[in-house]
């Protein structure tokens, strides 16, 4: 299955990489914008229109496009570790915000000083 996406990095691409049957073709957003302007006369942007245009673009250019390569085991491990780190940082920020809120509730007078 071939998928054309207007990016080379996104959560969607990371999710699709989990499925070996999916071949991902990243496209420069500027290239798709020019293609969109040449095909969609109204100039409006919408998800259904963009999906159709991505399909047309892929069909017309698949011979000259390069798909994302399979990651090496090291790169896959690094991506997983990076994702775990991002989750831990978000947890740390949430905890700091919760502690700050509790301080304000219990010690509002101290914080005013």
N, C-alpha and C. Protein backbone atom coordinates (compact mmCIF):
# COMPACT_ATOMS: atom_id res chain seq x y z
N UNK A 1 0.85 -1.16 0.00
CA UNK A 1 0.00 0.00 0.00
C UNK A 1 0.90 1.23 0.00
N UNK A 2 0.61 2.17 -0.87
CA UNK A 2 1.40 3.39 -0.97
C UNK A 2 0.63 4.57 -0.40
N UNK A 3 1.33 5.40 0.37
CA UNK A 3 0.72 6.56 1.00
C UNK A 3 1.58 7.78 0.70
N UNK A 4 0.92 8.86 0.28
CA UNK A 4 1.59 10.12 -0.01
C UNK A 4 1.25 11.10 1.12
N UNK A 5 2.28 11.64 1.79
CA UNK A 5 2.07 12.54 2.93
C UNK A 5 2.90 13.79 2.72
N UNK A 6 2.32 14.95 3.04
CA UNK A 6 2.99 16.25 2.86
C UNK A 6 3.97 16.56 3.98
N UNK A 7 4.82 15.63 4.31
CA UNK A 7 5.79 15.84 5.37
C UNK A 7 6.74 14.65 5.38
N UNK A 8 7.85 14.79 6.04
CA UNK A 8 8.73 13.64 6.22
C UNK A 8 8.81 13.25 7.69
N UNK A 9 8.23 14.09 8.56
CA UNK A 9 8.21 13.80 10.00
C UNK A 9 6.85 14.16 10.55
N UNK A 10 6.21 13.19 11.13
CA UNK A 10 4.94 13.45 11.80
C UNK A 10 4.56 12.22 12.61
N UNK A 11 3.60 12.41 13.49
CA UNK A 11 3.13 11.29 14.30
C UNK A 11 2.47 10.24 13.41
N UNK A 12 1.80 10.69 12.34
CA UNK A 12 1.16 9.76 11.42
C UNK A 12 2.20 8.87 10.74
N UNK A 13 3.30 9.46 10.31
CA UNK A 13 4.35 8.67 9.67
C UNK A 13 4.93 7.67 10.66
N UNK A 14 5.16 8.09 11.88
CA UNK A 14 5.67 7.16 12.89
C UNK A 14 4.70 6.01 13.13
N UNK A 15 3.41 6.31 13.13
CA UNK A 15 2.41 5.26 13.31
C UNK A 15 2.37 4.31 12.11
N UNK A 16 2.46 4.87 10.90
CA UNK A 16 2.40 4.04 9.70
C UNK A 16 3.64 3.17 9.53
N UNK A 17 4.76 3.60 10.09
CA UNK A 17 5.99 2.82 9.97
C UNK A 17 5.90 1.49 10.72
N UNK A 18 4.93 1.36 11.58
CA UNK A 18 4.73 0.12 12.31
C UNK A 18 4.21 -0.99 11.40
N UNK A 19 3.68 -0.63 10.23
CA UNK A 19 3.08 -1.60 9.32
C UNK A 19 3.99 -1.77 8.10
N UNK A 20 4.60 -2.93 7.96
CA UNK A 20 5.55 -3.12 6.86
C UNK A 20 4.92 -3.09 5.47
N UNK A 21 3.61 -3.25 5.36
CA UNK A 21 2.98 -3.23 4.03
C UNK A 21 2.79 -1.81 3.50
N UNK A 22 2.98 -0.81 4.35
CA UNK A 22 2.77 0.58 3.95
C UNK A 22 4.09 1.17 3.45
N UNK A 23 4.05 1.70 2.22
CA UNK A 23 5.20 2.40 1.66
C UNK A 23 4.87 3.89 1.67
N UNK A 24 5.67 4.68 2.37
CA UNK A 24 5.38 6.09 2.59
C UNK A 24 6.20 6.94 1.63
N UNK A 25 5.50 7.84 0.93
CA UNK A 25 6.15 8.77 0.03
C UNK A 25 5.95 10.19 0.56
N UNK A 26 6.99 10.76 1.18
CA UNK A 26 6.86 12.14 1.67
C UNK A 26 6.94 13.12 0.51
N UNK A 27 6.15 14.19 0.60
CA UNK A 27 6.14 15.21 -0.44
C UNK A 27 6.33 16.57 0.24
N UNK A 28 7.17 17.39 -0.37
CA UNK A 28 7.38 18.74 0.13
C UNK A 28 6.05 19.49 0.11
N UNK A 29 5.63 20.10 1.22
CA UNK A 29 4.37 20.83 1.24
C UNK A 29 4.29 21.92 0.17
N UNK A 30 5.41 22.55 -0.15
CA UNK A 30 5.40 23.58 -1.20
C UNK A 30 5.08 22.97 -2.56
N UNK A 31 5.61 21.79 -2.83
CA UNK A 31 5.31 21.11 -4.10
C UNK A 31 3.83 20.77 -4.18
N UNK A 32 3.26 20.29 -3.07
CA UNK A 32 1.83 19.97 -3.08
C UNK A 32 0.99 21.24 -3.21
N UNK A 33 1.44 22.33 -2.62
CA UNK A 33 0.71 23.59 -2.74
C UNK A 33 0.64 24.04 -4.19
N UNK A 34 1.77 23.95 -4.90
CA UNK A 34 1.77 24.32 -6.32
C UNK A 34 0.89 23.38 -7.13
N UNK A 35 0.97 22.08 -6.82
CA UNK A 35 0.13 21.11 -7.52
C UNK A 35 -1.34 21.38 -7.24
N UNK A 36 -1.66 21.69 -5.98
CA UNK A 36 -3.05 21.98 -5.60
C UNK A 36 -3.58 23.17 -6.39
N UNK A 37 -2.74 24.21 -6.50
CA UNK A 37 -3.15 25.40 -7.25
C UNK A 37 -3.37 25.09 -8.72
N UNK A 38 -2.58 24.17 -9.26
CA UNK A 38 -2.73 23.83 -10.68
C UNK A 38 -3.94 22.94 -10.93
N UNK A 39 -4.42 22.24 -9.92
CA UNK A 39 -5.52 21.30 -10.11
C UNK A 39 -6.86 21.79 -9.57
N UNK A 40 -6.85 22.42 -8.42
CA UNK A 40 -8.10 22.84 -7.78
C UNK A 40 -8.31 24.32 -8.09
N UNK A 41 -9.25 24.60 -8.95
CA UNK A 41 -9.44 25.96 -9.42
C UNK A 41 -10.01 26.90 -8.36
N UNK A 42 -10.73 26.35 -7.41
CA UNK A 42 -11.30 27.20 -6.37
C UNK A 42 -10.25 27.71 -5.40
N UNK A 43 -9.15 27.01 -5.30
CA UNK A 43 -8.08 27.43 -4.41
C UNK A 43 -8.32 27.09 -2.95
N UNK A 44 -9.52 26.62 -2.63
CA UNK A 44 -9.83 26.28 -1.24
C UNK A 44 -9.12 25.00 -0.83
N UNK A 45 -8.85 24.90 0.44
CA UNK A 45 -8.16 23.74 0.96
C UNK A 45 -9.09 22.97 1.87
N UNK A 46 -9.23 21.68 1.61
CA UNK A 46 -10.04 20.84 2.47
C UNK A 46 -9.45 19.44 2.48
N UNK A 47 -9.71 18.68 3.54
CA UNK A 47 -9.13 17.35 3.66
C UNK A 47 -9.53 16.42 2.52
N UNK A 48 -10.83 16.34 2.15
CA UNK A 48 -11.18 15.44 1.04
C UNK A 48 -10.51 15.83 -0.28
N UNK A 49 -10.45 17.12 -0.57
CA UNK A 49 -9.80 17.58 -1.79
C UNK A 49 -8.31 17.28 -1.73
N UNK A 50 -7.67 17.55 -0.58
CA UNK A 50 -6.24 17.28 -0.43
C UNK A 50 -5.93 15.79 -0.56
N UNK A 51 -6.77 14.95 0.01
CA UNK A 51 -6.55 13.50 -0.09
C UNK A 51 -6.61 13.05 -1.55
N UNK A 52 -7.58 13.55 -2.28
CA UNK A 52 -7.70 13.20 -3.69
C UNK A 52 -6.49 13.70 -4.47
N UNK A 53 -6.08 14.93 -4.20
CA UNK A 53 -4.94 15.49 -4.91
C UNK A 53 -3.63 14.77 -4.56
N UNK A 54 -3.48 14.36 -3.31
CA UNK A 54 -2.30 13.57 -2.93
C UNK A 54 -2.26 12.26 -3.71
N UNK A 55 -3.42 11.64 -3.88
CA UNK A 55 -3.50 10.39 -4.64
C UNK A 55 -3.13 10.62 -6.10
N UNK A 56 -3.67 11.67 -6.70
CA UNK A 56 -3.36 11.99 -8.10
C UNK A 56 -1.88 12.30 -8.24
N UNK A 57 -1.33 13.10 -7.33
CA UNK A 57 0.08 13.46 -7.37
C UNK A 57 0.95 12.21 -7.29
N UNK A 58 0.61 11.30 -6.38
CA UNK A 58 1.38 10.07 -6.21
C UNK A 58 1.32 9.22 -7.47
N UNK A 59 0.13 9.06 -8.04
CA UNK A 59 -0.02 8.24 -9.25
C UNK A 59 0.79 8.80 -10.41
N UNK A 60 0.81 10.12 -10.54
CA UNK A 60 1.51 10.75 -11.65
C UNK A 60 3.03 10.75 -11.46
N UNK A 61 3.50 10.74 -10.21
CA UNK A 61 4.92 10.94 -9.95
C UNK A 61 5.60 9.79 -9.23
N UNK A 62 4.93 8.67 -9.04
CA UNK A 62 5.51 7.59 -8.23
C UNK A 62 6.83 7.09 -8.81
N UNK A 63 7.00 7.16 -10.12
CA UNK A 63 8.23 6.67 -10.75
C UNK A 63 9.45 7.51 -10.36
N UNK A 64 9.23 8.79 -10.07
CA UNK A 64 10.36 9.66 -9.74
C UNK A 64 10.45 9.99 -8.25
N UNK A 65 9.50 9.50 -7.47
CA UNK A 65 9.49 9.77 -6.04
C UNK A 65 10.29 8.72 -5.29
N UNK A 66 10.78 9.09 -4.13
CA UNK A 66 11.54 8.19 -3.28
C UNK A 66 10.75 7.93 -2.01
N UNK A 67 10.56 6.67 -1.70
CA UNK A 67 9.85 6.34 -0.47
C UNK A 67 10.81 6.39 0.71
N UNK A 68 10.24 6.50 1.90
CA UNK A 68 11.07 6.47 3.10
C UNK A 68 11.66 5.08 3.25
N UNK A 69 12.92 5.04 3.58
CA UNK A 69 13.60 3.77 3.73
C UNK A 69 13.27 3.14 5.07
N UNK A 70 13.42 1.83 5.11
CA UNK A 70 13.24 1.13 6.37
C UNK A 70 14.31 1.60 7.35
N UNK A 71 13.91 1.77 8.58
CA UNK A 71 14.87 2.17 9.60
C UNK A 71 15.74 0.98 10.00
N UNK A 72 16.96 1.28 10.34
CA UNK A 72 17.83 0.25 10.90
C UNK A 72 17.33 -0.07 12.31
N UNK A 73 17.72 -1.20 12.85
CA UNK A 73 17.31 -1.52 14.22
C UNK A 73 17.73 -0.45 15.22
N UNK A 74 18.90 0.15 14.99
CA UNK A 74 19.37 1.20 15.90
C UNK A 74 18.48 2.44 15.82
N UNK A 75 18.07 2.80 14.60
CA UNK A 75 17.20 3.97 14.42
C UNK A 75 15.83 3.71 15.03
N UNK A 76 15.33 2.50 14.86
CA UNK A 76 14.04 2.14 15.46
C UNK A 76 14.10 2.25 16.97
N UNK A 77 15.19 1.73 17.55
CA UNK A 77 15.36 1.82 19.00
C UNK A 77 15.47 3.27 19.45
N UNK A 78 16.22 4.07 18.69
CA UNK A 78 16.36 5.49 19.03
C UNK A 78 15.02 6.20 18.98
N UNK A 79 14.18 5.89 17.97
CA UNK A 79 12.86 6.51 17.87
C UNK A 79 12.00 6.15 19.08
N UNK A 80 12.07 4.88 19.50
CA UNK A 80 11.29 4.45 20.67
C UNK A 80 11.77 5.16 21.94
N UNK A 81 13.10 5.25 22.10
CA UNK A 81 13.65 5.92 23.27
C UNK A 81 13.30 7.41 23.29
N UNK A 82 13.32 8.03 22.11
CA UNK A 82 12.96 9.44 22.00
C UNK A 82 11.50 9.65 22.38
N UNK A 83 10.66 8.75 21.93
CA UNK A 83 9.24 8.84 22.27
C UNK A 83 9.03 8.68 23.78
N UNK A 84 9.74 7.73 24.38
CA UNK A 84 9.63 7.54 25.83
C UNK A 84 10.12 8.77 26.58
N UNK A 85 11.21 9.37 26.10
CA UNK A 85 11.74 10.58 26.73
C UNK A 85 10.72 11.70 26.66
N UNK A 86 10.09 11.86 25.49
CA UNK A 86 9.09 12.90 25.31
C UNK A 86 7.93 12.69 26.29
N UNK A 87 7.50 11.45 26.47
CA UNK A 87 6.44 11.14 27.43
C UNK A 87 6.86 11.49 28.85
N UNK A 88 8.10 11.18 29.20
CA UNK A 88 8.59 11.49 30.55
C UNK A 88 8.69 12.99 30.79
N UNK A 89 9.12 13.73 29.79
CA UNK A 89 9.19 15.19 29.93
C UNK A 89 7.78 15.76 30.12
N UNK A 90 6.81 15.25 29.37
CA UNK A 90 5.43 15.71 29.53
C UNK A 90 4.91 15.40 30.93
N UNK A 91 5.26 14.22 31.45
CA UNK A 91 4.84 13.87 32.81
C UNK A 91 5.48 14.81 33.83
N UNK A 92 6.77 15.13 33.62
CA UNK A 92 7.46 16.04 34.54
C UNK A 92 6.80 17.42 34.54
N UNK A 93 6.46 17.92 33.35
CA UNK A 93 5.80 19.22 33.26
C UNK A 93 4.44 19.18 33.94
N UNK A 94 3.69 18.11 33.72
CA UNK A 94 2.38 17.98 34.37
C UNK A 94 2.52 17.97 35.89
N UNK A 95 3.51 17.23 36.40
CA UNK A 95 3.72 17.18 37.85
C UNK A 95 4.13 18.54 38.40
N UNK A 96 5.00 19.24 37.69
CA UNK A 96 5.40 20.57 38.14
C UNK A 96 4.21 21.52 38.17
N UNK A 97 3.34 21.44 37.18
CA UNK A 97 2.15 22.28 37.16
C UNK A 97 1.21 21.93 38.31
N UNK A 98 1.06 20.63 38.59
CA UNK A 98 0.19 20.21 39.69
C UNK A 98 0.75 20.68 41.03
N UNK A 99 2.06 20.58 41.20
CA UNK A 99 2.69 21.05 42.45
C UNK A 99 2.51 22.55 42.59
N UNK A 100 2.69 23.28 41.51
CA UNK A 100 2.48 24.73 41.56
C UNK A 100 1.06 25.09 41.94
N UNK A 101 0.11 24.35 41.40
CA UNK A 101 -1.31 24.59 41.74
C UNK A 101 -1.56 24.31 43.22
N UNK A 102 -1.00 23.20 43.72
CA UNK A 102 -1.17 22.87 45.14
C UNK A 102 -0.53 23.93 46.04
N UNK A 103 0.66 24.41 45.66
CA UNK A 103 1.29 25.47 46.43
C UNK A 103 0.40 26.69 46.50
N UNK A 104 -0.19 27.04 45.36
CA UNK A 104 -1.06 28.22 45.34
C UNK A 104 -2.30 28.02 46.20
N UNK A 105 -2.81 26.80 46.24
CA UNK A 105 -4.00 26.53 47.05
C UNK A 105 -3.68 26.55 48.54
N UNK A 106 -2.60 25.89 48.93
CA UNK A 106 -2.29 25.73 50.35
C UNK A 106 -1.49 26.88 50.93
N UNK A 107 -0.66 27.49 50.11
CA UNK A 107 0.25 28.50 50.64
C UNK A 107 0.15 29.80 49.86
N UNK A 108 -1.06 30.22 49.59
CA UNK A 108 -1.23 31.44 48.78
C UNK A 108 -0.64 32.66 49.48
N UNK A 109 -0.71 32.70 50.78
CA UNK A 109 -0.14 33.84 51.51
C UNK A 109 1.38 33.88 51.37
N UNK A 110 2.02 32.74 51.44
CA UNK A 110 3.48 32.67 51.30
C UNK A 110 3.90 33.14 49.91
N UNK A 111 3.16 32.71 48.91
CA UNK A 111 3.49 33.08 47.54
C UNK A 111 3.32 34.58 47.31
N UNK A 112 2.38 35.21 48.02
CA UNK A 112 2.17 36.63 47.87
C UNK A 112 3.36 37.42 48.44
N UNK A 113 3.98 36.86 49.49
CA UNK A 113 5.14 37.53 50.09
C UNK A 113 6.31 37.44 49.16
